[in-house]
PDB file of N, CA and C in Angstrom:
ATOM      1  N   MET A   1    -122.197-214.904  35.658  1.00  0.00           N
ATOM      2  CA  MET A   1    -122.883-214.270  34.794  1.00  0.00           C
ATOM      3  C   MET A   1    -122.032-212.468  34.228  1.00  0.00           C
ATOM      4  N   GLY A   2    -122.311-212.003  35.582  1.00  0.00           N
ATOM      5  CA  GLY A   2    -122.028-210.719  35.650  1.00  0.00           C
ATOM      6  C   GLY A   2    -122.167-209.595  34.858  1.00  0.00           C
ATOM      7  N   ARG A   3    -121.940-208.409  34.342  1.00  0.00           N
ATOM      8  CA  ARG A   3    -122.398-207.752  33.654  1.00  0.00           C
ATOM      9  C   ARG A   3    -121.661-207.963  31.911  1.00  0.00           C
ATOM     10  N   TRP A   4    -122.280-207.395  30.827  1.00  0.00           N
ATOM     11  CA  TRP A   4    -122.056-208.089  29.679  1.00  0.00           C
ATOM     12  C   TRP A   4    -121.257-206.804  29.426  1.00  0.00           C
ATOM     13  N   THR A   5    -120.062-206.928  28.483  1.00  0.00           N
ATOM     14  CA  THR A   5    -119.609-205.939  27.831  1.00  0.00           C
ATOM     15  C   THR A   5    -120.093-205.457  26.398  1.00  0.00           C
ATOM     16  N   ALA A   6    -120.343-204.388  25.900  1.00  0.00           N
ATOM     17  CA  ALA A   6    -121.139-203.793  25.186  1.00  0.00           C
ATOM     18  C   ALA A   6    -120.767-204.858  23.399  1.00  0.00           C
ATOM     19  N   ALA A   7    -119.470-205.160  23.421  1.00  0.00           N
ATOM     20  CA  ALA A   7    -119.180-206.333  22.524  1.00  0.00           C
ATOM     21  C   ALA A   7    -120.049-207.666  22.776  1.00  0.00           C
ATOM     22  N   GLN A   8    -120.031-208.290  24.058  1.00  0.00           N
ATOM     23  CA  GLN A   8    -120.716-209.504  24.408  1.00  0.00           C
ATOM     24  C   GLN A   8    -122.415-209.267  24.084  1.00  0.00           C
ATOM     25  N   ALA A   9    -122.841-208.214  24.169  1.00  0.00           N
ATOM     26  CA  ALA A   9    -123.723-207.785  23.890  1.00  0.00           C
ATOM     27  C   ALA A   9    -124.736-207.673  22.559  1.00  0.00           C
ATOM     28  N   GLU A  10    -123.490-207.204  22.126  1.00  0.00           N
ATOM     29  CA  GLU A  10    -123.981-207.095  20.271  1.00  0.00           C
ATOM     30  C   GLU A  10    -123.757-208.722  19.525  1.00  0.00           C
ATOM     31  N   ALA A  11    -123.056-209.398  20.113  1.00  0.00           N
ATOM     32  CA  ALA A  11    -122.436-210.543  19.856  1.00  0.00           C
ATOM     33  C   ALA A  11    -124.062-211.399  20.193  1.00  0.00           C
ATOM     34  N   ALA A  12    -124.330-211.561  21.220  1.00  0.00           N
ATOM     35  CA  ALA A  12    -125.752-211.995  22.084  1.00  0.00           C
ATOM     36  C   ALA A  12    -126.896-211.536  21.244  1.00  0.00           C
ATOM     37  N   ALA A  13    -126.871-210.217  20.516  1.00  0.00           N
ATOM     38  CA  ALA A  13    -128.310-209.840  20.299  1.00  0.00           C
ATOM     39  C   ALA A  13    -128.351-210.536  19.012  1.00  0.00           C
ATOM     40  N   LEU A  14    -127.163-210.527  18.057  1.00  0.00           N
ATOM     41  CA  LEU A  14    -127.377-210.987  16.877  1.00  0.00           C
ATOM     42  C   LEU A  14    -127.547-212.835  17.196  1.00  0.00           C
ATOM     43  N   HIS A  15    -126.702-213.287  17.955  1.00  0.00           N
ATOM     44  CA  HIS A  15    -127.243-214.766  18.334  1.00  0.00           C
ATOM     45  C   HIS A  15    -128.647-214.938  18.618  1.00  0.00           C
ATOM     46  N   PHE A  16    -129.533-214.179  19.043  1.00  0.00           N
ATOM     47  CA  PHE A  16    -130.801-214.368  19.511  1.00  0.00           C
ATOM     48  C   PHE A  16    -131.899-213.585  18.469  1.00  0.00           C
ATOM     49  N   SER A  17    -131.122-213.149  16.994  1.00  0.00           N
ATOM     50  CA  SER A  17    -132.145-212.211  16.898  1.00  0.00           C
ATOM     51  C   SER A  17    -132.921-213.045  15.493  1.00  0.00           C
ATOM     52  N   GLY A  18    -132.148-214.131  15.109  1.00  0.00           N
ATOM     53  CA  GLY A  18    -133.366-215.390  14.004  1.00  0.00           C
ATOM     54  C   GLY A  18    -134.146-215.879  14.686  1.00  0.00           C
ATOM     55  N   PRO A  19    -135.540-215.288  13.908  1.00  0.00           N
ATOM     56  CA  PRO A  19    -136.826-216.088  14.105  1.00  0.00           C
ATOM     57  C   PRO A  19    -136.942-216.993  14.070  1.00  0.00           C
ATOM     58  N   ASP A  20    -136.574-217.785  13.244  1.00  0.00           N
ATOM     59  CA  ASP A  20    -136.238-219.294  12.394  1.00  0.00           C
ATOM     60  C   ASP A  20    -135.275-220.072  12.987  1.00  0.00           C
ATOM     61  N   ARG A  21    -134.281-219.732  13.130  1.00  0.00           N
ATOM     62  CA  ARG A  21    -133.096-220.272  13.250  1.00  0.00           C
ATOM     63  C   ARG A  21    -131.562-219.643  13.891  1.00  0.00           C
ATOM     64  N   THR A  22    -130.792-220.023  14.515  1.00  0.00           N
ATOM     65  CA  THR A  22    -129.628-219.214  14.954  1.00  0.00           C
ATOM     66  C   THR A  22    -128.720-219.236  14.278  1.00  0.00           C
ATOM     67  N   PRO A  23    -128.474-217.910  14.004  1.00  0.00           N
ATOM     68  CA  PRO A  23    -127.366-217.406  13.268  1.00  0.00           C
ATOM     69  C   PRO A  23    -125.545-218.105  13.256  1.00  0.00           C
ATOM     70  N   THR A  24    -125.001-218.963  12.275  1.00  0.00           N
ATOM     71  CA  THR A  24    -123.687-219.596  12.675  1.00  0.00           C
ATOM     72  C   THR A  24    -122.728-218.565  13.554  1.00  0.00           C
ATOM     73  N   LEU A  25    -121.772-219.148  14.179  1.00  0.00           N
ATOM     74  CA  LEU A  25    -120.683-217.957  14.255  1.00  0.00           C
ATOM     75  C   LEU A  25    -119.868-217.305  13.601  1.00  0.00           C
ATOM     76  N   HIS A  26    -119.707-218.066  12.361  1.00  0.00           N
ATOM     77  CA  HIS A  26    -119.201-217.753  11.101  1.00  0.00           C
ATOM     78  C   HIS A  26    -120.148-216.176  10.661  1.00  0.00           C
ATOM     79  N   GLU A  27    -121.465-216.426  10.440  1.00  0.00           N
ATOM     80  CA  GLU A  27    -122.590-215.466   9.809  1.00  0.00           C
ATOM     81  C   GLU A  27    -122.400-214.062  11.124  1.00  0.00           C
ATOM     82  N   ILE A  28    -122.373-214.576  12.002  1.00  0.00           N
ATOM     83  CA  ILE A  28    -122.462-213.332  12.913  1.00  0.00           C
ATOM     84  C   ILE A  28    -121.007-212.709  13.185  1.00  0.00           C
ATOM     85  N   GLY A  29    -119.885-213.772  12.900  1.00  0.00           N
ATOM     86  CA  GLY A  29    -118.638-212.459  13.008  1.00  0.00           C
ATOM     87  C   GLY A  29    -118.395-212.254  11.538  1.00  0.00           C
ATOM     88  N   LYS A  30    -118.848-212.299  10.761  1.00  0.00           N
ATOM     89  CA  LYS A  30    -119.143-211.837   9.501  1.00  0.00           C
ATOM     90  C   LYS A  30    -119.759-210.212   9.266  1.00  0.00           C
ATOM     91  N   SER A  31    -120.668-210.026  10.210  1.00  0.00           N
ATOM     92  CA  SER A  31    -121.654-209.089  10.100  1.00  0.00           C
ATOM     93  C   SER A  31    -121.085-208.269  11.162  1.00  0.00           C
ATOM     94  N   LEU A  32    -120.306-208.774  12.168  1.00  0.00           N
ATOM     95  CA  LEU A  32    -119.024-207.678  13.012  1.00  0.00           C
ATOM     96  C   LEU A  32    -117.693-207.389  12.768  1.00  0.00           C
ATOM     97  N   GLY A  33    -117.254-207.899  11.793  1.00  0.00           N
ATOM     98  CA  GLY A  33    -115.878-208.107  11.107  1.00  0.00           C
ATOM     99  C   GLY A  33    -114.925-208.527  12.073  1.00  0.00           C
ATOM    100  N   ILE A  34    -115.224-210.291  12.777  1.00  0.00           N
ATOM    101  CA  ILE A  34    -114.271-210.425  13.920  1.00  0.00           C
ATOM    102  C   ILE A  34    -114.537-211.815  13.515  1.00  0.00           C
ATOM    103  N   SER A  35    -113.924-212.964  13.903  1.00  0.00           N
ATOM    104  CA  SER A  35    -113.668-214.203  13.452  1.00  0.00           C
ATOM    105  C   SER A  35    -114.821-214.942  14.236  1.00  0.00           C
ATOM    106  N   ALA A  36    -114.919-216.440  13.966  1.00  0.00           N
ATOM    107  CA  ALA A  36    -115.766-217.138  14.708  1.00  0.00           C
ATOM    108  C   ALA A  36    -115.322-217.458  16.114  1.00  0.00           C
ATOM    109  N   GLN A  37    -114.458-217.635  16.193  1.00  0.00           N
ATOM    110  CA  GLN A  37    -113.566-217.951  17.371  1.00  0.00           C
ATOM    111  C   GLN A  37    -113.682-216.277  18.458  1.00  0.00           C
ATOM    112  N   ALA A  38    -113.654-215.405  18.027  1.00  0.00           N
ATOM    113  CA  ALA A  38    -113.923-214.274  18.764  1.00  0.00           C
ATOM    114  C   ALA A  38    -115.684-214.456  19.540  1.00  0.00           C
ATOM    115  N   VAL A  39    -116.139-214.646  18.017  1.00  0.00           N
ATOM    116  CA  VAL A  39    -118.409-214.192  18.632  1.00  0.00           C
ATOM    117  C   VAL A  39    -118.091-215.426  19.594  1.00  0.00           C
ATOM    118  N   ASN A  40    -117.256-216.974  19.464  1.00  0.00           N
ATOM    119  CA  ASN A  40    -117.787-217.861  20.091  1.00  0.00           C
ATOM    120  C   ASN A  40    -117.351-217.180  21.881  1.00  0.00           C
ATOM    121  N   ASP A  41    -116.107-216.680  22.148  1.00  0.00           N
ATOM    122  CA  ASP A  41    -115.513-215.945  23.149  1.00  0.00           C
ATOM    123  C   ASP A  41    -116.419-215.144  23.774  1.00  0.00           C
ATOM    124  N   ARG A  42    -116.998-214.095  22.930  1.00  0.00           N
ATOM    125  CA  ARG A  42    -117.782-213.034  23.291  1.00  0.00           C
ATOM    126  C   ARG A  42    -119.647-214.238  23.865  1.00  0.00           C
ATOM    127  N   LEU A  43    -119.943-214.914  22.892  1.00  0.00           N
ATOM    128  CA  LEU A  43    -120.823-215.324  23.550  1.00  0.00           C
ATOM    129  C   LEU A  43    -120.618-216.292  24.716  1.00  0.00           C
ATOM    130  N   ARG A  44    -119.867-216.760  24.984  1.00  0.00           N
ATOM    131  CA  ARG A  44    -119.006-217.654  26.065  1.00  0.00           C
ATOM    132  C   ARG A  44    -119.624-216.891  27.314  1.00  0.00           C
ATOM    133  N   GLY A  45    -118.838-215.628  27.275  1.00  0.00           N
ATOM    134  CA  GLY A  45    -118.540-214.631  27.935  1.00  0.00           C
ATOM    135  C   GLY A  45    -119.834-214.002  28.515  1.00  0.00           C
ATOM    136  N   ALA A  46    -120.804-214.037  27.485  1.00  0.00           N
ATOM    137  CA  ALA A  46    -122.356-213.455  27.679  1.00  0.00           C
ATOM    138  C   ALA A  46    -123.241-214.715  28.543  1.00  0.00           C
ATOM    139  N   GLY A  47    -122.389-215.502  28.306  1.00  0.00           N
ATOM    140  CA  GLY A  47    -123.790-216.823  29.272  1.00  0.00           C
ATOM    141  C   GLY A  47    -124.751-217.362  28.298  1.00  0.00           C
ATOM    142  N   ALA A  48    -124.228-217.377  26.711  1.00  0.00           N
ATOM    143  CA  ALA A  48    -125.229-217.406  25.779  1.00  0.00           C
ATOM    144  C   ALA A  48    -125.792-219.002  25.894  1.00  0.00           C
ATOM    145  N   GLN A  49    -125.014-219.984  26.609  1.00  0.00           N
ATOM    146  CA  GLN A  49    -125.700-221.104  26.243  1.00  0.00           C
ATOM    147  C   GLN A  49    -126.529-221.331  27.537  1.00  0.00           C
ATOM    148  N   THR A  50    -126.418-220.928  28.265  1.00  0.00           N
ATOM    149  CA  THR A  50    -127.422-220.474  30.001  1.00  0.00           C
ATOM    150  C   THR A  50    -128.819-219.849  29.160  1.00  0.00           C
ATOM    151  N   ILE A  51    -128.367-218.886  28.322  1.00  0.00           N
ATOM    152  CA  ILE A  51    -129.953-218.145  28.347  1.00  0.00           C
ATOM    153  C   ILE A  51    -130.355-219.078  27.072  1.00  0.00           C
ATOM    154  N   ALA A  52    -129.972-219.641  26.166  1.00  0.00           N
ATOM    155  CA  ALA A  52    -130.624-220.514  25.204  1.00  0.00           C
ATOM    156  C   ALA A  52    -131.134-221.743  26.131  1.00  0.00           C
ATOM    157  N   SER A  53    -130.670-222.387  27.214  1.00  0.00           N
ATOM    158  CA  SER A  53    -131.081-223.120  27.665  1.00  0.00           C
ATOM    159  C   SER A  53    -132.458-222.907  28.486  1.00  0.00           C
ATOM    160  N   VAL A  54    -132.336-221.758  29.273  1.00  0.00           N
ATOM    161  CA  VAL A  54    -133.550-221.038  29.770  1.00  0.00           C
ATOM    162  C   VAL A  54    -134.636-220.885  28.695  1.00  0.00           C
ATOM    163  N   LEU A  55    -134.221-220.360  27.568  1.00  0.00           N
ATOM    164  CA  LEU A  55    -135.228-220.180  26.563  1.00  0.00           C
ATOM    165  C   LEU A  55    -136.076-221.366  25.889  1.00  0.00           C
ATOM    166  N   ARG A  56    -135.110-222.275  25.642  1.00  0.00           N
ATOM    167  CA  ARG A  56    -135.676-223.857  25.192  1.00  0.00           C
ATOM    168  C   ARG A  56    -136.932-224.232  26.318  1.00  0.00           C
ATOM    169  N   ARG A  57    -136.515-223.937  27.466  1.00  0.00           N
ATOM    170  CA  ARG A  57    -137.272-224.807  28.714  1.00  0.00           C
ATOM    171  C   ARG A  57    -138.797-224.151  28.787  1.00  0.00           C
ATOM    172  N   TRP A  58    -138.526-222.875  28.881  1.00  0.00           N
ATOM    173  CA  TRP A  58    -139.656-221.832  29.085  1.00  0.00           C
ATOM    174  C   TRP A  58    -140.357-221.943  27.904  1.00  0.00           C
ATOM    175  N   GLU A  59    -140.086-222.246  26.525  1.00  0.00           N
ATOM    176  CA  GLU A  59    -140.561-222.116  24.679  1.00  0.00           C
ATOM    177  C   GLU A  59    -141.501-223.674  25.379  1.00  0.00           C
ATOM    178  N   ALA A  60    -140.881-224.633  25.818  1.00  0.00           N
ATOM    179  CA  ALA A  60    -141.358-226.037  26.116  1.00  0.00           C
ATOM    180  C   ALA A  60    -142.273-226.220  27.027  1.00  0.00           C
ATOM    181  N   SER A  61    -142.273-224.998  28.157  1.00  0.00           N
ATOM    182  CA  SER A  61    -143.268-225.131  29.001  1.00  0.00           C
ATOM    183  C   SER A  61    -144.989-224.640  28.509  1.00  0.00           C
ATOM    184  N   GLY A  62    -144.894-224.259  27.167  1.00  0.00           N
ATOM    185  CA  GLY A  62    -145.997-223.477  26.824  1.00  0.00           C
ATOM    186  C   GLY A  62    -146.295-222.166  26.057  1.00  0.00           C
ATOM    187  N   ARG A  63    -145.181-221.628  27.062  1.00  0.00           N
ATOM    188  CA  ARG A  63    -145.372-219.912  26.821  1.00  0.00           C
ATOM    189  C   ARG A  63    -145.108-219.228  25.774  1.00  0.00           C
ATOM    190  N   GLN A  64    -145.972-218.357  25.261  1.00  0.00           N
ATOM    191  CA  GLN A  64    -145.651-217.823  24.237  1.00  0.00           C
ATOM    192  C   GLN A  64    -144.956-216.291  23.789  1.00  0.00           C
ATOM    193  N   THR A  65    -144.258-215.974  23.241  1.00  0.00           N
ATOM    194  CA  THR A  65    -143.307-214.695  23.587  1.00  0.00           C
ATOM    195  C   THR A  65    -144.801-213.505  23.270  1.00  0.00           C
ATOM    196  N   GLY A  66    -144.662-212.556  24.536  1.00  0.00           N
ATOM    197  CA  GLY A  66    -145.699-211.292  24.084  1.00  0.00           C
ATOM    198  C   GLY A  66    -147.057-211.873  25.463  1.00  0.00           C
ATOM    199  N   SER A  67    -147.184-213.173  25.844  1.00  0.00           N
ATOM    200  CA  SER A  67    -148.012-213.330  26.610  1.00  0.00           C
ATOM    201  C   SER A  67    -147.852-212.444  27.646  1.00  0.00           C
ATOM    202  N   ASP A  68    -148.943-212.340  28.629  1.00  0.00           N
ATOM    203  CA  ASP A  68    -149.150-211.558  30.071  1.00  0.00           C
ATOM    204  C   ASP A  68    -149.775-212.459  30.949  1.00  0.00           C
ATOM    205  N   SER A  69    -149.252-213.438  31.693  1.00  0.00           N
ATOM    206  CA  SER A  69    -150.212-214.210  32.696  1.00  0.00           C
ATOM    207  C   SER A  69    -151.031-213.469  33.449  1.00  0.00           C
ATOM    208  N   THR A  70    -150.387-211.985  33.859  1.00  0.00           N
ATOM    209  CA  THR A  70    -151.394-211.122  34.673  1.00  0.00           C
ATOM    210  C   THR A  70    -152.679-210.920  34.196  1.00  0.00           C
ATOM    211  N   GLN A  71    -153.458-210.900  33.258  1.00  0.00           N
ATOM    212  CA  GLN A  71    -154.359-210.767  32.146  1.00  0.00           C
ATOM    213  C   GLN A  71    -155.611-211.415  32.970  1.00  0.00           C
TER     214      GLN A  71
END
């Protein structure tokens, strides 16, 4: 995955920002003024699929955002 570019980080932030649903590539592209294909390229470069997979597994494990297991 390596380091993200600013463009990849921007696309990933929008991709993961929806609390109830993931915005479409078209919606993200419209926000950024780029094509859906360009959004796809940025998300692929950012490793968004891997991140999404990890998040799904983490959520399925019963953990909740903001919980601290050290308390």
